[in-house]
Amino acid sequence: MNINAIIELSGKTRNWALGFTFSTEKEALEAVKQDGDALRYVKDQSEAVCLEAVKENGYALRYVKDQSEAVCLEAVKQDGHALQYVDFTKETDSTEEK
């Protein structure tokens, strides 16, 4: 099944095919640009894929396996309610001891 058929199916049913995962970063990018929630089916999440997902839908932050500061900021910028999914237990790169 090609990516367009999967996206068309998801649009009609609002459910992605059970057990389906995207095998390439290109496929994943195409999917999350159209539906950020598709991130939940991306096994190997790159920073670029996660950023695209949260740009499309801030709530996709809940599916980000390794949150970066940039991804969290983009998610909250897209939808302020995504703040509830920010993992505050992780240290950020910009945190410095003084």
C-alpha atoms as a PDB file:
ATOM      1  CA  MET A   1       0.000   0.000   0.000  1.00  0.00           C
ATOM      2  CA  ASN A   2       1.478   3.379  -0.919  1.00  0.00           C
ATOM      3  CA  ILE A   3       1.560   6.388   1.393  1.00  0.00           C
ATOM      4  CA  ASN A   4      -1.238   8.236  -0.436  1.00  0.00           C
ATOM      5  CA  ALA A   5      -3.589   5.284  -0.052  1.00  0.00           C
ATOM      6  CA  ILE A   6      -2.804   5.078   3.648  1.00  0.00           C
ATOM      7  CA  ILE A   7      -3.356   8.797   4.169  1.00  0.00           C
ATOM      8  CA  GLU A   8      -6.613   8.631   2.217  1.00  0.00           C
ATOM      9  CA  LEU A   9      -7.740   5.701   4.369  1.00  0.00           C
ATOM     10  CA  SER A  10      -6.822   7.545   7.557  1.00  0.00           C
ATOM     11  CA  GLY A  11      -8.769  10.605   6.469  1.00  0.00           C
ATOM     12  CA  LYS A  12     -11.896   8.551   5.990  1.00  0.00           C
ATOM     13  CA  THR A  13     -11.687   6.496   9.145  1.00  0.00           C
ATOM     14  CA  ARG A  14      -9.531   8.777  11.343  1.00  0.00           C
ATOM     15  CA  ASN A  15      -7.651   5.617  12.314  1.00  0.00           C
ATOM     16  CA  TRP A  16      -4.339   4.535  10.914  1.00  0.00           C
ATOM     17  CA  ALA A  17      -3.950   0.904   9.938  1.00  0.00           C
ATOM     18  CA  LEU A  18      -3.226  -1.136  13.043  1.00  0.00           C
ATOM     19  CA  GLY A  19       0.336  -2.304  13.256  1.00  0.00           C
ATOM     20  CA  PHE A  20       1.505  -0.151  10.361  1.00  0.00           C
ATOM     21  CA  THR A  21       4.805   1.672  10.743  1.00  0.00           C
ATOM     22  CA  PHE A  22       6.595   3.946   8.308  1.00  0.00           C
ATOM     23  CA  SER A  23       9.807   2.371   7.084  1.00  0.00           C
ATOM     24  CA  THR A  24      11.584   5.435   5.716  1.00  0.00           C
ATOM     25  CA  GLU A  25      12.015   8.983   6.935  1.00  0.00           C
ATOM     26  CA  LYS A  26      10.562  10.246   3.661  1.00  0.00           C
ATOM     27  CA  GLU A  27       7.344   8.258   4.194  1.00  0.00           C
ATOM     28  CA  ALA A  28       7.140   9.461   7.776  1.00  0.00           C
ATOM     29  CA  LEU A  29       7.629  13.107   6.777  1.00  0.00           C
ATOM     30  CA  GLU A  30       4.905  12.880   4.138  1.00  0.00           C
ATOM     31  CA  ALA A  31       2.486  11.371   6.626  1.00  0.00           C
ATOM     32  CA  VAL A  32       3.099  13.743   9.555  1.00  0.00           C
ATOM     33  CA  LYS A  33       2.884  16.798   7.311  1.00  0.00           C
ATOM     34  CA  GLN A  34      -0.699  15.762   6.543  1.00  0.00           C
ATOM     35  CA  ASP A  35      -1.602  14.396   9.981  1.00  0.00           C
ATOM     36  CA  GLY A  36       0.712  15.014  12.930  1.00  0.00           C
ATOM     37  CA  ASP A  37      -0.884  12.146  14.845  1.00  0.00           C
ATOM     38  CA  ALA A  38       0.732   9.748  12.363  1.00  0.00           C
ATOM     39  CA  LEU A  39       3.859  10.215  14.483  1.00  0.00           C
ATOM     40  CA  ARG A  40       2.588   7.485  16.768  1.00  0.00           C
ATOM     41  CA  TYR A  41       3.370   5.001  13.980  1.00  0.00           C
ATOM     42  CA  VAL A  42       6.899   6.236  13.324  1.00  0.00           C
ATOM     43  CA  LYS A  43       9.292   3.774  14.920  1.00  0.00           C
ATOM     44  CA  ASP A  44      12.562   5.647  14.305  1.00  0.00           C
ATOM     45  CA  GLN A  45      11.671   9.261  15.021  1.00  0.00           C
ATOM     46  CA  SER A  46      14.124  11.872  13.763  1.00  0.00           C
ATOM     47  CA  GLU A  47      14.142  15.455  15.001  1.00  0.00           C
ATOM     48  CA  ALA A  48      12.912  16.584  11.562  1.00  0.00           C
ATOM     49  CA  VAL A  49       9.954  14.193  11.595  1.00  0.00           C
ATOM     50  CA  CYS A  50       8.975  15.212  15.119  1.00  0.00           C
ATOM     51  CA  LEU A  51       9.194  18.914  14.241  1.00  0.00           C
ATOM     52  CA  GLU A  52       6.958  18.449  11.203  1.00  0.00           C
ATOM     53  CA  ALA A  53       4.447  16.471  13.252  1.00  0.00           C
ATOM     54  CA  VAL A  54       4.094  19.118  15.962  1.00  0.00           C
ATOM     55  CA  LYS A  55       3.982  21.913  13.376  1.00  0.00           C
ATOM     56  CA  GLU A  56       0.909  20.223  11.913  1.00  0.00           C
ATOM     57  CA  ASN A  57      -0.613  19.297  15.275  1.00  0.00           C
ATOM     58  CA  GLY A  58       0.861  20.437  18.595  1.00  0.00           C
ATOM     59  CA  TYR A  59      -0.828  17.544  20.356  1.00  0.00           C
ATOM     60  CA  ALA A  60       1.443  15.151  18.437  1.00  0.00           C
ATOM     61  CA  LEU A  61       3.993  15.995  21.147  1.00  0.00           C
ATOM     62  CA  ARG A  62       2.454  13.197  23.187  1.00  0.00           C
ATOM     63  CA  TYR A  63       3.937  10.695  20.701  1.00  0.00           C
ATOM     64  CA  VAL A  64       7.468  12.148  20.635  1.00  0.00           C
ATOM     65  CA  LYS A  65       9.761   9.556  22.196  1.00  0.00           C
ATOM     66  CA  ASP A  66      12.738  11.848  22.816  1.00  0.00           C
ATOM     67  CA  GLN A  67      11.540  15.410  23.310  1.00  0.00           C
ATOM     68  CA  SER A  68      13.952  18.217  22.481  1.00  0.00           C
ATOM     69  CA  GLU A  69      13.504  21.816  23.503  1.00  0.00           C
ATOM     70  CA  ALA A  70      12.941  22.820  19.862  1.00  0.00           C
ATOM     71  CA  VAL A  71      10.188  20.228  19.372  1.00  0.00           C
ATOM     72  CA  CYS A  72       8.453  21.216  22.610  1.00  0.00           C
ATOM     73  CA  LEU A  73       8.583  24.921  21.763  1.00  0.00           C
ATOM     74  CA  GLU A  74       7.173  24.304  18.292  1.00  0.00           C
ATOM     75  CA  ALA A  75       4.364  22.155  19.700  1.00  0.00           C
ATOM     76  CA  VAL A  76       3.341  24.772  22.245  1.00  0.00           C
ATOM     77  CA  LYS A  77       3.599  27.502  19.617  1.00  0.00           C
ATOM     78  CA  GLN A  78       1.215  25.533  17.389  1.00  0.00           C
ATOM     79  CA  ASP A  79      -1.209  24.805  20.236  1.00  0.00           C
ATOM     80  CA  GLY A  80      -0.695  26.119  23.752  1.00  0.00           C
ATOM     81  CA  HIS A  81      -2.564  23.157  25.208  1.00  0.00           C
ATOM     82  CA  ALA A  82       0.308  20.900  24.087  1.00  0.00           C
ATOM     83  CA  LEU A  83       2.152  22.182  27.162  1.00  0.00           C
ATOM     84  CA  GLN A  84       0.525  19.359  29.114  1.00  0.00           C
ATOM     85  CA  TYR A  85       2.641  16.850  27.151  1.00  0.00           C
ATOM     86  CA  VAL A  86       6.012  18.501  27.756  1.00  0.00           C
ATOM     87  CA  ASP A  87       8.275  16.203  29.766  1.00  0.00           C
ATOM     88  CA  PHE A  88       9.619  18.595  32.403  1.00  0.00           C
ATOM     89  CA  THR A  89      11.630  15.836  34.075  1.00  0.00           C
ATOM     90  CA  LYS A  90      14.290  16.011  31.350  1.00  0.00           C
ATOM     91  CA  GLU A  91      17.032  18.602  31.449  1.00  0.00           C
ATOM     92  CA  THR A  92      17.183  20.913  28.472  1.00  0.00           C
ATOM     93  CA  ASP A  93      20.253  21.928  26.504  1.00  0.00           C
ATOM     94  CA  SER A  94      19.883  25.551  27.557  1.00  0.00           C
ATOM     95  CA  THR A  95      19.938  24.759  31.288  1.00  0.00           C
ATOM     96  CA  GLU A  96      23.166  25.946  32.793  1.00  0.00           C
ATOM     97  CA  GLU A  97      24.318  25.977  36.382  1.00  0.00           C
ATOM     98  CA  LYS A  98      25.409  29.377  37.589  1.00  0.00           C
END
